Amino acid sequence: DFATPRAILTGHDYEITCATICAELGLVISGSKEGPCLIHSMNGDLLRTLEGPETEGPESCLRPKLIQASREGHCVIYYENGLFCVFSVNGRLQATMETDDKIR
C-alpha cells in the first residue's frame, strides 16, 4: 500500500518555515518566509490568517520562525525579529512581547 495525503493545504505564496498540528482541535498552523501564518482544518480548509502587529523600520516584515499551539486554543508565534505573539484560534491577537535573546 502507498500512503496518500489526507489533505493538501494551500494558501502560502512563499516557502513554509514553521508548522504545528493541534490534533485536539483538528488544526494545522503554518508560517511562510514572507507572509502571514495560516490556520487550516485537518481536511485542508483555510480557516484564518494570523497577521502580526504592524512594525516599522528594516525589520518591518514579520517572518515566523517558530509556532506552537495549545489544546486550549492559543497559538504562540516567534518571529525572526524577536517578537512573540499570542493569538486565539479565532485569529485575534491577544498579546505581544519583544526579546533580544536568541530563541531556538
Protein backbone atom coordinates (compact mmCIF):
# COMPACT_ATOMS: atom_id res chain seq x y z
CA ASP A 1 0.00 0.00 0.00
CA PHE A 2 1.06 3.53 -0.74
CA ALA A 3 0.50 6.37 1.69
CA THR A 4 -1.66 9.17 0.34
CA PRO A 5 -2.08 12.63 1.83
CA ARG A 6 -5.22 13.28 3.84
CA ALA A 7 -5.37 16.85 2.51
CA ILE A 8 -3.30 19.33 0.55
CA LEU A 9 -3.05 22.68 2.30
CA THR A 10 -2.77 25.76 0.11
CA GLY A 11 -2.55 29.50 0.66
CA HIS A 12 1.11 30.41 1.14
CA ASP A 13 2.96 32.30 -1.60
CA TYR A 14 6.43 31.54 -0.17
CA GLU A 15 8.21 28.57 1.37
CA ILE A 16 6.95 27.23 4.69
CA THR A 17 9.34 27.99 7.57
CA CYS A 18 7.39 26.54 10.51
CA ALA A 19 4.28 24.50 11.22
CA THR A 20 2.44 22.78 14.04
CA ILE A 21 -0.50 20.40 14.36
CA CYS A 22 -3.07 20.65 17.14
CA ALA A 23 -4.79 17.27 16.93
CA GLU A 24 -7.15 18.07 19.83
CA LEU A 25 -8.68 20.97 17.86
CA GLY A 26 -8.14 19.48 14.40
CA LEU A 27 -5.96 22.37 13.22
CA VAL A 28 -2.75 22.83 11.24
CA ILE A 29 -0.98 26.18 11.67
CA SER A 30 1.84 27.15 9.32
CA GLY A 31 4.04 30.16 8.64
CA SER A 32 5.87 31.14 5.47
CA LYS A 33 9.05 33.06 4.77
CA GLU A 34 7.46 36.34 3.64
CA GLY A 35 3.85 36.03 4.63
CA PRO A 36 1.27 35.56 7.34
CA CYS A 37 0.59 32.42 9.33
CA LEU A 38 -2.40 30.37 8.23
CA ILE A 39 -4.78 28.11 10.15
CA HIS A 40 -6.19 25.15 8.23
CA SER A 41 -8.53 22.39 9.30
CA MET A 42 -7.21 18.82 9.08
CA ASN A 43 -9.42 18.46 5.98
CA GLY A 44 -7.49 21.22 4.21
CA ASP A 45 -9.94 24.12 4.57
CA LEU A 46 -8.30 27.52 5.11
CA LEU A 47 -9.93 28.92 8.27
CA ARG A 48 -7.97 32.00 9.34
CA THR A 49 -5.00 34.23 8.62
CA LEU A 50 -2.90 35.36 11.59
CA GLU A 51 -1.47 38.82 10.98
CA GLY A 52 1.17 40.09 13.38
CA PRO A 53 1.20 43.70 14.54
CA GLU A 54 2.43 46.42 12.19
CA THR A 55 6.08 47.26 12.76
CA GLU A 56 8.31 49.91 11.24
CA GLY A 57 11.91 50.03 10.12
CA PRO A 58 14.18 47.44 8.49
CA GLU A 59 12.51 44.58 10.41
CA SER A 60 9.00 45.54 9.27
CA CYS A 61 8.38 42.20 7.53
CA LEU A 62 7.40 39.64 10.15
CA ARG A 63 9.00 36.29 9.33
CA PRO A 64 7.64 33.49 11.53
CA LYS A 65 10.33 31.17 12.86
CA LEU A 66 8.55 29.01 15.47
CA ILE A 67 4.89 28.15 16.06
CA GLN A 68 3.26 26.24 18.89
CA ALA A 69 -0.45 25.66 19.52
CA SER A 70 -2.13 24.62 22.75
CA ARG A 71 -5.17 22.40 23.19
CA GLU A 72 -6.87 25.37 24.87
CA GLY A 73 -6.90 27.25 21.57
CA HIS A 74 -3.88 29.56 21.86
CA CYS A 75 -1.16 29.91 19.27
CA VAL A 76 2.28 31.34 20.11
CA ILE A 77 4.37 32.56 17.21
CA TYR A 78 8.00 33.66 17.46
CA TYR A 79 9.16 35.92 14.63
CA GLU A 80 12.74 36.40 13.36
CA ASN A 81 12.93 39.96 14.72
CA GLY A 82 12.50 38.80 18.35
CA LEU A 83 8.75 39.32 18.60
CA PHE A 84 6.45 36.83 20.34
CA CYS A 85 2.72 37.00 19.55
CA VAL A 86 -0.13 35.05 21.13
CA PHE A 87 -3.26 34.55 19.04
CA SER A 88 -6.57 32.87 19.73
CA VAL A 89 -7.67 30.24 17.21
CA ASN A 90 -10.25 32.82 16.10
CA GLY A 91 -7.35 34.91 14.76
CA ARG A 92 -7.41 37.60 17.44
CA LEU A 93 -4.04 38.96 18.57
CA GLN A 94 -4.05 38.66 22.37
CA ALA A 95 -0.53 39.67 23.46
CA THR A 96 2.91 40.60 22.17
CA MET A 97 6.38 40.66 23.72
CA GLU A 98 9.78 41.56 22.31
CA THR A 99 13.04 39.92 23.32
CA ASP A 100 16.70 40.33 22.41
CA ASP A 101 17.50 36.75 23.45
CA LYS A 102 18.34 34.04 20.92
CA ILE A 103 15.39 31.63 20.78
CA ARG A 104 15.67 28.12 19.32
